[in-house]
Amino acid sequence: MFRVILLALLCSWSLSYAVDCKSPMTNFEMQHCASLEYEVADKKLNTVYNKLRKKLDKTGKQKLKTAQKAWIKYRDTKAVFDADDARGGTMQPLLETSSKTQTTENRAKELESSLNMYKDLDK
């Protein structure tokens, strides 16, 4: 029961703590803002992925899924490597999140290019 109350308090505190992502000051604020940027990139990637998936036949969908699973493993491993300069430090999570955001944005662009090929074929 104590854990539930503590979790509720932490959640309500975090919701009431407004962060200005234009000029984050603390490590917490920087990580919060980086997480928000990653969420935006991830949502865009998922949108493009789903649009592309709808254009593919069964075999193409399976190949895309396999490629995406491999890409996710790459993205996460790359993020750990990119943050290694700050290993064990307070900046490590921020660097990992920033790397994941950049890699995710790049992947969304790659999938958009593939999607555009299918759109061109539809004309």
PDB file of N, CA and C in Angstrom:
ATOM      1  N   MET A   1       0.828  -1.198   0.000  1.00  0.00           N
ATOM      2  CA  MET A   1       0.000   0.000   0.000  1.00  0.00           C
ATOM      3  C   MET A   1       0.869   1.257   0.000  1.00  0.00           C
ATOM      4  N   PHE A   2       1.957   1.221   0.767  1.00  0.00           N
ATOM      5  CA  PHE A   2       2.856   2.375   0.817  1.00  0.00           C
ATOM      6  C   PHE A   2       3.413   2.683  -0.566  1.00  0.00           C
ATOM      7  N   ARG A   3       3.745   1.634  -1.324  1.00  0.00           N
ATOM      8  CA  ARG A   3       4.293   1.829  -2.669  1.00  0.00           C
ATOM      9  C   ARG A   3       3.277   2.501  -3.585  1.00  0.00           C
ATOM     10  N   VAL A   4       2.028   2.137  -3.457  1.00  0.00           N
ATOM     11  CA  VAL A   4       0.982   2.728  -4.286  1.00  0.00           C
ATOM     12  C   VAL A   4       0.845   4.215  -3.980  1.00  0.00           C
ATOM     13  N   ILE A   5       0.859   4.552  -2.707  1.00  0.00           N
ATOM     14  CA  ILE A   5       0.753   5.964  -2.306  1.00  0.00           C
ATOM     15  C   ILE A   5       1.965   6.744  -2.799  1.00  0.00           C
ATOM     16  N   LEU A   6       3.147   6.167  -2.623  1.00  0.00           N
ATOM     17  CA  LEU A   6       4.370   6.830  -3.073  1.00  0.00           C
ATOM     18  C   LEU A   6       4.347   7.036  -4.579  1.00  0.00           C
ATOM     19  N   LEU A   7       3.922   6.035  -5.326  1.00  0.00           N
ATOM     20  CA  LEU A   7       3.831   6.149  -6.773  1.00  0.00           C
ATOM     21  C   LEU A   7       2.839   7.231  -7.171  1.00  0.00           C
ATOM     22  N   ALA A   8       1.705   7.279  -6.497  1.00  0.00           N
ATOM     23  CA  ALA A   8       0.699   8.305  -6.790  1.00  0.00           C
ATOM     24  C   ALA A   8       1.249   9.697  -6.530  1.00  0.00           C
ATOM     25  N   LEU A   9       1.978   9.856  -5.441  1.00  0.00           N
ATOM     26  CA  LEU A   9       2.580  11.160  -5.130  1.00  0.00           C
ATOM     27  C   LEU A   9       3.613  11.557  -6.173  1.00  0.00           C
ATOM     28  N   LEU A  10       4.450  10.607  -6.567  1.00  0.00           N
ATOM     29  CA  LEU A  10       5.465  10.894  -7.576  1.00  0.00           C
ATOM     30  C   LEU A  10       4.840  11.268  -8.903  1.00  0.00           C
ATOM     31  N   CYS A  11       3.785  10.556  -9.285  1.00  0.00           N
ATOM     32  CA  CYS A  11       3.098  10.860 -10.548  1.00  0.00           C
ATOM     33  C   CYS A  11       2.459  12.239 -10.509  1.00  0.00           C
ATOM     34  N   SER A  12       1.812  12.565  -9.404  1.00  0.00           N
ATOM     35  CA  SER A  12       1.171  13.873  -9.314  1.00  0.00           C
ATOM     36  C   SER A  12       2.209  14.985  -9.283  1.00  0.00           C
ATOM     37  N   TRP A  13       3.354  14.739  -8.651  1.00  0.00           N
ATOM     38  CA  TRP A  13       4.427  15.737  -8.641  1.00  0.00           C
ATOM     39  C   TRP A  13       4.973  15.938 -10.037  1.00  0.00           C
ATOM     40  N   SER A  14       5.198  14.841 -10.760  1.00  0.00           N
ATOM     41  CA  SER A  14       5.784  14.974 -12.086  1.00  0.00           C
ATOM     42  C   SER A  14       4.817  15.652 -13.053  1.00  0.00           C
ATOM     43  N   LEU A  15       3.514  15.449 -12.876  1.00  0.00           N
ATOM     44  CA  LEU A  15       2.550  16.111 -13.734  1.00  0.00           C
ATOM     45  C   LEU A  15       2.456  17.604 -13.442  1.00  0.00           C
ATOM     46  N   SER A  16       2.677  17.976 -12.200  1.00  0.00           N
ATOM     47  CA  SER A  16       2.560  19.383 -11.842  1.00  0.00           C
ATOM     48  C   SER A  16       3.863  20.144 -12.074  1.00  0.00           C
ATOM     49  N   TYR A  17       4.937  19.435 -12.348  1.00  0.00           N
ATOM     50  CA  TYR A  17       6.236  20.056 -12.553  1.00  0.00           C
ATOM     51  C   TYR A  17       6.368  20.433 -14.017  1.00  0.00           C
ATOM     52  N   ALA A  18       6.148  21.695 -14.325  1.00  0.00           N
ATOM     53  CA  ALA A  18       6.215  22.152 -15.707  1.00  0.00           C
ATOM     54  C   ALA A  18       7.666  22.376 -16.117  1.00  0.00           C
ATOM     55  N   VAL A  19       8.019  21.824 -17.246  1.00  0.00           N
ATOM     56  CA  VAL A  19       9.381  21.949 -17.751  1.00  0.00           C
ATOM     57  C   VAL A  19       9.346  22.794 -19.014  1.00  0.00           C
ATOM     58  N   ASP A  20      10.206  23.789 -19.054  1.00  0.00           N
ATOM     59  CA  ASP A  20      10.346  24.621 -20.241  1.00  0.00           C
ATOM     60  C   ASP A  20      11.418  23.987 -21.122  1.00  0.00           C
ATOM     61  N   CYS A  21      10.984  23.319 -22.159  1.00  0.00           N
ATOM     62  CA  CYS A  21      11.936  22.599 -23.007  1.00  0.00           C
ATOM     63  C   CYS A  21      12.708  23.521 -23.956  1.00  0.00           C
ATOM     64  N   LYS A  22      12.374  24.792 -23.943  1.00  0.00           N
ATOM     65  CA  LYS A  22      13.166  25.733 -24.739  1.00  0.00           C
ATOM     66  C   LYS A  22      14.500  26.018 -24.065  1.00  0.00           C
ATOM     67  N   SER A  23      14.505  25.934 -22.746  1.00  0.00           N
ATOM     68  CA  SER A  23      15.755  26.168 -22.015  1.00  0.00           C
ATOM     69  C   SER A  23      15.803  25.324 -20.741  1.00  0.00           C
ATOM     70  N   PRO A  24      15.909  24.001 -20.908  1.00  0.00           N
ATOM     71  CA  PRO A  24      15.989  23.141 -19.716  1.00  0.00           C
ATOM     72  C   PRO A  24      17.285  23.413 -18.961  1.00  0.00           C
ATOM     73  N   MET A  25      17.209  23.393 -17.642  1.00  0.00           N
ATOM     74  CA  MET A  25      18.367  23.750 -16.829  1.00  0.00           C
ATOM     75  C   MET A  25      18.990  22.540 -16.119  1.00  0.00           C
ATOM     76  N   THR A  26      18.150  21.687 -15.567  1.00  0.00           N
ATOM     77  CA  THR A  26      18.671  20.576 -14.780  1.00  0.00           C
ATOM     78  C   THR A  26      18.764  19.317 -15.645  1.00  0.00           C
ATOM     79  N   ASN A  27      19.502  18.353 -15.141  1.00  0.00           N
ATOM     80  CA  ASN A  27      19.610  17.081 -15.842  1.00  0.00           C
ATOM     81  C   ASN A  27      18.233  16.454 -16.005  1.00  0.00           C
ATOM     82  N   PHE A  28      17.403  16.541 -14.955  1.00  0.00           N
ATOM     83  CA  PHE A  28      16.040  16.019 -15.027  1.00  0.00           C
ATOM     84  C   PHE A  28      15.262  16.673 -16.160  1.00  0.00           C
ATOM     85  N   GLU A  29      15.345  17.994 -16.249  1.00  0.00           N
ATOM     86  CA  GLU A  29      14.626  18.719 -17.292  1.00  0.00           C
ATOM     87  C   GLU A  29      15.144  18.356 -18.682  1.00  0.00           C
ATOM     88  N   MET A  30      16.463  18.262 -18.811  1.00  0.00           N
ATOM     89  CA  MET A  30      17.028  17.892 -20.109  1.00  0.00           C
ATOM     90  C   MET A  30      16.574  16.494 -20.523  1.00  0.00           C
ATOM     91  N   GLN A  31      16.584  15.557 -19.579  1.00  0.00           N
ATOM     92  CA  GLN A  31      16.157  14.196 -19.888  1.00  0.00           C
ATOM     93  C   GLN A  31      14.664  14.164 -20.225  1.00  0.00           C
ATOM     94  N   HIS A  32      13.874  14.926 -19.473  1.00  0.00           N
ATOM     95  CA  HIS A  32      12.437  14.991 -19.743  1.00  0.00           C
ATOM     96  C   HIS A  32      12.186  15.505 -21.164  1.00  0.00           C
ATOM     97  N   CYS A  33      12.860  16.572 -21.533  1.00  0.00           N
ATOM     98  CA  CYS A  33      12.673  17.159 -22.856  1.00  0.00           C
ATOM     99  C   CYS A  33      13.173  16.222 -23.955  1.00  0.00           C
ATOM    100  N   ALA A  34      14.295  15.564 -23.698  1.00  0.00           N
ATOM    101  CA  ALA A  34      14.810  14.595 -24.669  1.00  0.00           C
ATOM    102  C   ALA A  34      13.832  13.446 -24.846  1.00  0.00           C
ATOM    103  N   SER A  35      13.210  13.026 -23.775  1.00  0.00           N
ATOM    104  CA  SER A  35      12.214  11.953 -23.855  1.00  0.00           C
ATOM    105  C   SER A  35      11.005  12.379 -24.675  1.00  0.00           C
ATOM    106  N   LEU A  36      10.595  13.626 -24.512  1.00  0.00           N
ATOM    107  CA  LEU A  36       9.475  14.139 -25.308  1.00  0.00           C
ATOM    108  C   LEU A  36       9.836  14.174 -26.793  1.00  0.00           C
ATOM    109  N   GLU A  37      11.060  14.587 -27.102  1.00  0.00           N
ATOM    110  CA  GLU A  37      11.510  14.611 -28.495  1.00  0.00           C
ATOM    111  C   GLU A  37      11.531  13.196 -29.076  1.00  0.00           C
ATOM    112  N   TYR A  38      11.976  12.241 -28.269  1.00  0.00           N
ATOM    113  CA  TYR A  38      12.001  10.857 -28.720  1.00  0.00           C
ATOM    114  C   TYR A  38      10.586  10.347 -28.979  1.00  0.00           C
ATOM    115  N   GLU A  39       9.650  10.687 -28.106  1.00  0.00           N
ATOM    116  CA  GLU A  39       8.257  10.263 -28.297  1.00  0.00           C
ATOM    117  C   GLU A  39       7.706  10.775 -29.622  1.00  0.00           C
ATOM    118  N   VAL A  40       8.013  12.025 -29.959  1.00  0.00           N
ATOM    119  CA  VAL A  40       7.551  12.606 -31.224  1.00  0.00           C
ATOM    120  C   VAL A  40       8.151  11.831 -32.399  1.00  0.00           C
ATOM    121  N   ALA A  41       9.447  11.580 -32.338  1.00  0.00           N
ATOM    122  CA  ALA A  41      10.122  10.845 -33.414  1.00  0.00           C
ATOM    123  C   ALA A  41       9.563   9.433 -33.541  1.00  0.00           C
ATOM    124  N   ASP A  42       9.324   8.786 -32.416  1.00  0.00           N
ATOM    125  CA  ASP A  42       8.812   7.421 -32.427  1.00  0.00           C
ATOM    126  C   ASP A  42       7.397   7.356 -32.995  1.00  0.00           C
ATOM    127  N   LYS A  43       6.566   8.330 -32.646  1.00  0.00           N
ATOM    128  CA  LYS A  43       5.203   8.370 -33.192  1.00  0.00           C
ATOM    129  C   LYS A  43       5.230   8.559 -34.699  1.00  0.00           C
ATOM    130  N   LYS A  44       6.110   9.445 -35.166  1.00  0.00           N
ATOM    131  CA  LYS A  44       6.218   9.669 -36.609  1.00  0.00           C
ATOM    132  C   LYS A  44       6.681   8.387 -37.300  1.00  0.00           C
ATOM    133  N   LEU A  45       7.678   7.734 -36.730  1.00  0.00           N
ATOM    134  CA  LEU A  45       8.170   6.482 -37.301  1.00  0.00           C
ATOM    135  C   LEU A  45       7.046   5.453 -37.383  1.00  0.00           C
ATOM    136  N   ASN A  46       6.287   5.307 -36.318  1.00  0.00           N
ATOM    137  CA  ASN A  46       5.193   4.334 -36.306  1.00  0.00           C
ATOM    138  C   ASN A  46       4.130   4.668 -37.350  1.00  0.00           C
ATOM    139  N   THR A  47       3.860   5.933 -37.532  1.00  0.00           N
ATOM    140  CA  THR A  47       2.885   6.354 -38.543  1.00  0.00           C
ATOM    141  C   THR A  47       3.366   5.982 -39.941  1.00  0.00           C
ATOM    142  N   VAL A  48       4.612   6.312 -40.245  1.00  0.00           N
ATOM    143  CA  VAL A  48       5.168   6.014 -41.567  1.00  0.00           C
ATOM    144  C   VAL A  48       5.254   4.499 -41.768  1.00  0.00           C
ATOM    145  N   TYR A  49       5.704   3.789 -40.740  1.00  0.00           N
ATOM    146  CA  TYR A  49       5.810   2.327 -40.810  1.00  0.00           C
ATOM    147  C   TYR A  49       4.458   1.709 -41.152  1.00  0.00           C
ATOM    148  N   ASN A  50       3.407   2.152 -40.475  1.00  0.00           N
ATOM    149  CA  ASN A  50       2.075   1.591 -40.705  1.00  0.00           C
ATOM    150  C   ASN A  50       1.536   1.939 -42.091  1.00  0.00           C
ATOM    151  N   LYS A  51       1.828   3.142 -42.571  1.00  0.00           N
ATOM    152  CA  LYS A  51       1.411   3.520 -43.927  1.00  0.00           C
ATOM    153  C   LYS A  51       2.115   2.647 -44.964  1.00  0.00           C
ATOM    154  N   LEU A  52       3.415   2.442 -44.758  1.00  0.00           N
ATOM    155  CA  LEU A  52       4.178   1.604 -45.677  1.00  0.00           C
ATOM    156  C   LEU A  52       3.677   0.163 -45.631  1.00  0.00           C
ATOM    157  N   ARG A  53       3.429  -0.320 -44.448  1.00  0.00           N
ATOM    158  CA  ARG A  53       2.968  -1.702 -44.260  1.00  0.00           C
ATOM    159  C   ARG A  53       1.679  -1.967 -45.048  1.00  0.00           C
ATOM    160  N   LYS A  54       0.804  -0.975 -45.083  1.00  0.00           N
ATOM    161  CA  LYS A  54      -0.468  -1.124 -45.810  1.00  0.00           C
ATOM    162  C   LYS A  54      -0.260  -1.269 -47.314  1.00  0.00           C
ATOM    163  N   LYS A  55       0.862  -0.797 -47.812  1.00  0.00           N
ATOM    164  CA  LYS A  55       1.148  -0.869 -49.250  1.00  0.00           C
ATOM    165  C   LYS A  55       1.741  -2.215 -49.661  1.00  0.00           C
ATOM    166  N   LEU A  56       2.164  -3.011 -48.689  1.00  0.00           N
ATOM    167  CA  LEU A  56       2.906  -4.237 -48.982  1.00  0.00           C
ATOM    168  C   LEU A  56       2.020  -5.468 -49.001  1.00  0.00           C
ATOM    169  N   ASP A  57       2.451  -6.464 -49.769  1.00  0.00           N
ATOM    170  CA  ASP A  57       1.776  -7.751 -49.730  1.00  0.00           C
ATOM    171  C   ASP A  57       2.275  -8.530 -48.504  1.00  0.00           C
ATOM    172  N   LYS A  58       1.786  -9.736 -48.334  1.00  0.00           N
ATOM    173  CA  LYS A  58       2.115 -10.526 -47.143  1.00  0.00           C
ATOM    174  C   LYS A  58       3.623 -10.726 -46.990  1.00  0.00           C
ATOM    175  N   THR A  59       4.302 -11.071 -48.075  1.00  0.00           N
ATOM    176  CA  THR A  59       5.754 -11.286 -48.021  1.00  0.00           C
ATOM    177  C   THR A  59       6.487  -9.987 -47.692  1.00  0.00           C
ATOM    178  N   GLY A  60       6.068  -8.896 -48.306  1.00  0.00           N
ATOM    179  CA  GLY A  60       6.685  -7.604 -48.043  1.00  0.00           C
ATOM    180  C   GLY A  60       6.501  -7.169 -46.595  1.00  0.00           C
ATOM    181  N   LYS A  61       5.307  -7.426 -46.059  1.00  0.00           N
ATOM    182  CA  LYS A  61       5.051  -7.088 -44.655  1.00  0.00           C
ATOM    183  C   LYS A  61       5.973  -7.858 -43.728  1.00  0.00           C
ATOM    184  N   GLN A  62       6.181  -9.132 -44.025  1.00  0.00           N
ATOM    185  CA  GLN A  62       7.057  -9.946 -43.183  1.00  0.00           C
ATOM    186  C   GLN A  62       8.500  -9.453 -43.268  1.00  0.00           C
ATOM    187  N   LYS A  63       8.939  -9.097 -44.459  1.00  0.00           N
ATOM    188  CA  LYS A  63      10.306  -8.585 -44.630  1.00  0.00           C
ATOM    189  C   LYS A  63      10.483  -7.259 -43.903  1.00  0.00           C
ATOM    190  N   LEU A  64       9.480  -6.400 -43.986  1.00  0.00           N
ATOM    191  CA  LEU A  64       9.540  -5.118 -43.276  1.00  0.00           C
ATOM    192  C   LEU A  64       9.605  -5.354 -41.775  1.00  0.00           C
ATOM    193  N   LYS A  65       8.795  -6.260 -41.278  1.00  0.00           N
ATOM    194  CA  LYS A  65       8.792  -6.569 -39.842  1.00  0.00           C
ATOM    195  C   LYS A  65      10.151  -7.093 -39.391  1.00  0.00           C
ATOM    196  N   THR A  66      10.742  -7.984 -40.169  1.00  0.00           N
ATOM    197  CA  THR A  66      12.057  -8.532 -39.836  1.00  0.00           C
ATOM    198  C   THR A  66      13.113  -7.426 -39.838  1.00  0.00           C
ATOM    199  N   ALA A  67      13.052  -6.577 -40.861  1.00  0.00           N
ATOM    200  CA  ALA A  67      14.009  -5.468 -40.940  1.00  0.00           C
ATOM    201  C   ALA A  67      13.833  -4.510 -39.769  1.00  0.00           C
ATOM    202  N   GLN A  68      12.595  -4.252 -39.404  1.00  0.00           N
ATOM    203  CA  GLN A  68      12.333  -3.310 -38.313  1.00  0.00           C
ATOM    204  C   GLN A  68      12.814  -3.861 -36.984  1.00  0.00           C
ATOM    205  N   LYS A  69      12.627  -5.148 -36.761  1.00  0.00           N
ATOM    206  CA  LYS A  69      13.123  -5.756 -35.519  1.00  0.00           C
ATOM    207  C   LYS A  69      14.644  -5.645 -35.436  1.00  0.00           C
ATOM    208  N   ALA A  70      15.318  -5.891 -36.555  1.00  0.00           N
ATOM    209  CA  ALA A  70      16.783  -5.770 -36.586  1.00  0.00           C
ATOM    210  C   ALA A  70      17.190  -4.312 -36.374  1.00  0.00           C
ATOM    211  N   TRP A  71      16.436  -3.399 -36.979  1.00  0.00           N
ATOM    212  CA  TRP A  71      16.746  -1.979 -36.824  1.00  0.00           C
ATOM    213  C   TRP A  71      16.591  -1.536 -35.365  1.00  0.00           C
ATOM    214  N   ILE A  72      15.552  -2.004 -34.682  1.00  0.00           N
ATOM    215  CA  ILE A  72      15.340  -1.641 -33.270  1.00  0.00           C
ATOM    216  C   ILE A  72      16.531  -2.091 -32.430  1.00  0.00           C
ATOM    217  N   LYS A  73      17.001  -3.293 -32.684  1.00  0.00           N
ATOM    218  CA  LYS A  73      18.172  -3.800 -31.963  1.00  0.00           C
ATOM    219  C   LYS A  73      19.388  -2.908 -32.248  1.00  0.00           C
ATOM    220  N   TYR A  74      19.556  -2.530 -33.512  1.00  0.00           N
ATOM    221  CA  TYR A  74      20.650  -1.628 -33.905  1.00  0.00           C
ATOM    222  C   TYR A  74      20.522  -0.282 -33.205  1.00  0.00           C
ATOM    223  N   ARG A  75      19.311   0.303 -33.244  1.00  0.00           N
ATOM    224  CA  ARG A  75      19.086   1.618 -32.626  1.00  0.00           C
ATOM    225  C   ARG A  75      19.461   1.608 -31.151  1.00  0.00           C
ATOM    226  N   ASP A  76      19.005   0.594 -30.440  1.00  0.00           N
ATOM    227  CA  ASP A  76      19.264   0.526 -29.003  1.00  0.00           C
ATOM    228  C   ASP A  76      20.734   0.274 -28.698  1.00  0.00           C
ATOM    229  N   THR A  77      21.373  -0.576 -29.483  1.00  0.00           N
ATOM    230  CA  THR A  77      22.796  -0.858 -29.283  1.00  0.00           C
ATOM    231  C   THR A  77      23.642   0.361 -29.622  1.00  0.00           C
ATOM    232  N   LYS A  78      23.275   1.047 -30.693  1.00  0.00           N
ATOM    233  CA  LYS A  78      23.983   2.270 -31.091  1.00  0.00           C
ATOM    234  C   LYS A  78      23.866   3.336 -30.007  1.00  0.00           C
ATOM    235  N   ALA A  79      22.691   3.458 -29.418  1.00  0.00           N
ATOM    236  CA  ALA A  79      22.488   4.461 -28.370  1.00  0.00           C
ATOM    237  C   ALA A  79      23.383   4.195 -27.170  1.00  0.00           C
ATOM    238  N   VAL A  80      23.522   2.942 -26.791  1.00  0.00           N
ATOM    239  CA  VAL A  80      24.399   2.584 -25.669  1.00  0.00           C
ATOM    240  C   VAL A  80      25.842   2.941 -26.016  1.00  0.00           C
ATOM    241  N   PHE A  81      26.251   2.638 -27.235  1.00  0.00           N
ATOM    242  CA  PHE A  81      27.609   2.972 -27.661  1.00  0.00           C
ATOM    243  C   PHE A  81      27.822   4.483 -27.698  1.00  0.00           C
ATOM    244  N   ASP A  82      26.853   5.204 -28.269  1.00  0.00           N
ATOM    245  CA  ASP A  82      26.986   6.661 -28.384  1.00  0.00           C
ATOM    246  C   ASP A  82      27.084   7.341 -27.023  1.00  0.00           C
ATOM    247  N   ALA A  83      26.501   6.752 -26.007  1.00  0.00           N
ATOM    248  CA  ALA A  83      26.510   7.341 -24.663  1.00  0.00           C
ATOM    249  C   ALA A  83      27.674   6.843 -23.814  1.00  0.00           C
ATOM    250  N   ASP A  84      28.517   6.017 -24.378  1.00  0.00           N
ATOM    251  CA  ASP A  84      29.574   5.385 -23.587  1.00  0.00           C
ATOM    252  C   ASP A  84      30.586   6.387 -23.039  1.00  0.00           C
ATOM    253  N   ASP A  85      30.757   7.518 -23.693  1.00  0.00           N
ATOM    254  CA  ASP A  85      31.676   8.541 -23.165  1.00  0.00           C
ATOM    255  C   ASP A  85      31.279   8.993 -21.776  1.00  0.00           C
ATOM    256  N   ALA A  86      29.989   8.895 -21.482  1.00  0.00           N
ATOM    257  CA  ALA A  86      29.483   9.330 -20.182  1.00  0.00           C
ATOM    258  C   ALA A  86      29.127   8.131 -19.298  1.00  0.00           C
ATOM    259  N   ARG A  87      29.749   6.999 -19.567  1.00  0.00           N
ATOM    260  CA  ARG A  87      29.430   5.755 -18.849  1.00  0.00           C
ATOM    261  C   ARG A  87      29.371   5.981 -17.340  1.00  0.00           C
ATOM    262  N   GLY A  88      28.234   5.643 -16.770  1.00  0.00           N
ATOM    263  CA  GLY A  88      28.050   5.750 -15.326  1.00  0.00           C
ATOM    264  C   GLY A  88      27.724   7.150 -14.845  1.00  0.00           C
ATOM    265  N   GLY A  89      27.780   8.125 -15.735  1.00  0.00           N
ATOM    266  CA  GLY A  89      27.517   9.504 -15.333  1.00  0.00           C
ATOM    267  C   GLY A  89      26.065   9.889 -15.512  1.00  0.00           C
ATOM    268  N   THR A  90      25.736  11.051 -15.025  1.00  0.00           N
ATOM    269  CA  THR A  90      24.348  11.506 -15.096  1.00  0.00           C
ATOM    270  C   THR A  90      23.921  11.866 -16.515  1.00  0.00           C
ATOM    271  N   MET A  91      24.877  12.098 -17.414  1.00  0.00           N
ATOM    272  CA  MET A  91      24.541  12.444 -18.795  1.00  0.00           C
ATOM    273  C   MET A  91      24.290  11.212 -19.666  1.00  0.00           C
ATOM    274  N   GLN A  92      24.651  10.037 -19.190  1.00  0.00           N
ATOM    275  CA  GLN A  92      24.519   8.836 -20.005  1.00  0.00           C
ATOM    276  C   GLN A  92      23.089   8.617 -20.503  1.00  0.00           C
ATOM    277  N   PRO A  93      22.068   8.678 -19.649  1.00  0.00           N
ATOM    278  CA  PRO A  93      20.700   8.467 -20.157  1.00  0.00           C
ATOM    279  C   PRO A  93      20.285   9.523 -21.185  1.00  0.00           C
ATOM    280  N   LEU A  94      20.702  10.760 -20.979  1.00  0.00           N
ATOM    281  CA  LEU A  94      20.374  11.829 -21.920  1.00  0.00           C
ATOM    282  C   LEU A  94      21.008  11.559 -23.283  1.00  0.00           C
ATOM    283  N   LEU A  95      22.267  11.145 -23.283  1.00  0.00           N
ATOM    284  CA  LEU A  95      22.949  10.847 -24.539  1.00  0.00           C
ATOM    285  C   LEU A  95      22.319   9.650 -25.248  1.00  0.00           C
ATOM    286  N   GLU A  96      21.914   8.658 -24.491  1.00  0.00           N
ATOM    287  CA  GLU A  96      21.241   7.492 -25.085  1.00  0.00           C
ATOM    288  C   GLU A  96      19.927   7.911 -25.732  1.00  0.00           C
ATOM    289  N   THR A  97      19.143   8.699 -25.021  1.00  0.00           N
ATOM    290  CA  THR A  97      17.853   9.141 -25.554  1.00  0.00           C
ATOM    291  C   THR A  97      18.048  10.000 -26.798  1.00  0.00           C
ATOM    292  N   SER A  98      19.025  10.884 -26.758  1.00  0.00           N
ATOM    293  CA  SER A  98      19.294  11.747 -27.919  1.00  0.00           C
ATOM    294  C   SER A  98      19.717  10.925 -29.134  1.00  0.00           C
ATOM    295  N   SER A  99      20.533   9.926 -28.907  1.00  0.00           N
ATOM    296  CA  SER A  99      20.951   9.044 -29.995  1.00  0.00           C
ATOM    297  C   SER A  99      19.756   8.301 -30.568  1.00  0.00           C
ATOM    298  N   LYS A 100      18.902   7.771 -29.697  1.00  0.00           N
ATOM    299  CA  LYS A 100      17.724   7.051 -30.165  1.00  0.00           C
ATOM    300  C   LYS A 100      16.810   7.969 -30.972  1.00  0.00           C
ATOM    301  N   THR A 101      16.698   9.214 -30.551  1.00  0.00           N
ATOM    302  CA  THR A 101      15.861  10.170 -31.278  1.00  0.00           C
ATOM    303  C   THR A 101      16.407  10.388 -32.684  1.00  0.00           C
ATOM    304  N   GLN A 102      17.698  10.655 -32.780  1.00  0.00           N
ATOM    305  CA  GLN A 102      18.318  10.917 -34.089  1.00  0.00           C
ATOM    306  C   GLN A 102      18.207   9.711 -35.009  1.00  0.00           C
ATOM    307  N   THR A 103      18.481   8.543 -34.480  1.00  0.00           N
ATOM    308  CA  THR A 103      18.409   7.320 -35.274  1.00  0.00           C
ATOM    309  C   THR A 103      16.974   7.042 -35.705  1.00  0.00           C
ATOM    310  N   THR A 104      16.020   7.319 -34.840  1.00  0.00           N
ATOM    311  CA  THR A 104      14.606   7.111 -35.160  1.00  0.00           C
ATOM    312  C   THR A 104      14.147   8.089 -36.236  1.00  0.00           C
ATOM    313  N   GLU A 105      14.580   9.338 -36.132  1.00  0.00           N
ATOM    314  CA  GLU A 105      14.235  10.322 -37.161  1.00  0.00           C
ATOM    315  C   GLU A 105      14.800   9.893 -38.516  1.00  0.00           C
ATOM    316  N   ASN A 106      16.027   9.393 -38.512  1.00  0.00           N
ATOM    317  CA  ASN A 106      16.639   8.924 -39.761  1.00  0.00           C
ATOM    318  C   ASN A 106      15.878   7.734 -40.334  1.00  0.00           C
ATOM    319  N   ARG A 107      15.459   6.815 -39.493  1.00  0.00           N
ATOM    320  CA  ARG A 107      14.716   5.643 -39.953  1.00  0.00           C
ATOM    321  C   ARG A 107      13.369   6.055 -40.535  1.00  0.00           C
ATOM    322  N   ALA A 108      12.715   7.021 -39.912  1.00  0.00           N
ATOM    323  CA  ALA A 108      11.441   7.507 -40.446  1.00  0.00           C
ATOM    324  C   ALA A 108      11.638   8.067 -41.860  1.00  0.00           C
ATOM    325  N   LYS A 109      12.741   8.770 -42.074  1.00  0.00           N
ATOM    326  CA  LYS A 109      13.042   9.310 -43.407  1.00  0.00           C
ATOM    327  C   LYS A 109      13.275   8.179 -44.407  1.00  0.00           C
ATOM    328  N   GLU A 110      13.980   7.131 -43.974  1.00  0.00           N
ATOM    329  CA  GLU A 110      14.213   5.981 -44.853  1.00  0.00           C
ATOM    330  C   GLU A 110      12.890   5.337 -45.266  1.00  0.00           C
ATOM    331  N   LEU A 111      12.028   5.123 -44.284  1.00  0.00           N
ATOM    332  CA  LEU A 111      10.744   4.493 -44.592  1.00  0.00           C
ATOM    333  C   LEU A 111       9.849   5.408 -45.426  1.00  0.00           C
ATOM    334  N   GLU A 112       9.960   6.722 -45.211  1.00  0.00           N
ATOM    335  CA  GLU A 112       9.203   7.664 -46.041  1.00  0.00           C
ATOM    336  C   GLU A 112       9.648   7.566 -47.497  1.00  0.00           C
ATOM    337  N   SER A 113      10.946   7.386 -47.715  1.00  0.00           N
ATOM    338  CA  SER A 113      11.443   7.223 -49.079  1.00  0.00           C
ATOM    339  C   SER A 113      10.843   5.983 -49.720  1.00  0.00           C
ATOM    340  N   SER A 114      10.793   4.896 -48.967  1.00  0.00           N
ATOM    341  CA  SER A 114      10.181   3.672 -49.485  1.00  0.00           C
ATOM    342  C   SER A 114       8.695   3.896 -49.764  1.00  0.00           C
ATOM    343  N   LEU A 115       8.027   4.567 -48.853  1.00  0.00           N
ATOM    344  CA  LEU A 115       6.602   4.847 -49.028  1.00  0.00           C
ATOM    345  C   LEU A 115       6.385   5.702 -50.272  1.00  0.00           C
ATOM    346  N   ASN A 116       7.241   6.683 -50.490  1.00  0.00           N
ATOM    347  CA  ASN A 116       7.117   7.550 -51.659  1.00  0.00           C
ATOM    348  C   ASN A 116       7.290   6.773 -52.962  1.00  0.00           C
ATOM    349  N   MET A 117       8.132   5.742 -52.940  1.00  0.00           N
ATOM    350  CA  MET A 117       8.275   4.893 -54.128  1.00  0.00           C
ATOM    351  C   MET A 117       6.941   4.241 -54.464  1.00  0.00           C
ATOM    352  N   TYR A 118       6.246   3.752 -53.459  1.00  0.00           N
ATOM    353  CA  TYR A 118       4.947   3.126 -53.684  1.00  0.00           C
ATOM    354  C   TYR A 118       3.913   4.146 -54.144  1.00  0.00           C
ATOM    355  N   LYS A 119       3.991   5.354 -53.618  1.00  0.00           N
ATOM    356  CA  LYS A 119       3.052   6.399 -54.045  1.00  0.00           C
ATOM    357  C   LYS A 119       3.284   6.732 -55.520  1.00  0.00           C
ATOM    358  N   ASP A 120       4.575   6.793 -55.909  1.00  0.00           N
ATOM    359  CA  ASP A 120       4.902   7.078 -57.312  1.00  0.00           C
ATOM    360  C   ASP A 120       4.377   5.977 -58.216  1.00  0.00           C
ATOM    361  N   LEU A 121       4.401   4.736 -57.749  1.00  0.00           N
ATOM    362  CA  LEU A 121       3.911   3.619 -58.550  1.00  0.00           C
ATOM    363  C   LEU A 121       2.386   3.662 -58.703  1.00  0.00           C
ATOM    364  N   ASP A 122       1.716   4.262 -57.719  1.00  0.00           N
ATOM    365  CA  ASP A 122       0.256   4.355 -57.751  1.00  0.00           C
ATOM    366  C   ASP A 122      -0.241   5.343 -58.807  1.00  0.00           C
ATOM    367  N   LYS A 123       0.638   6.218 -59.257  1.00  0.00           N
ATOM    368  CA  LYS A 123       0.217   7.273 -60.208  1.00  0.00           C
ATOM    369  C   LYS A 123       0.022   6.721 -61.592  1.00  0.00           C
TER     370      LYS A 123
END
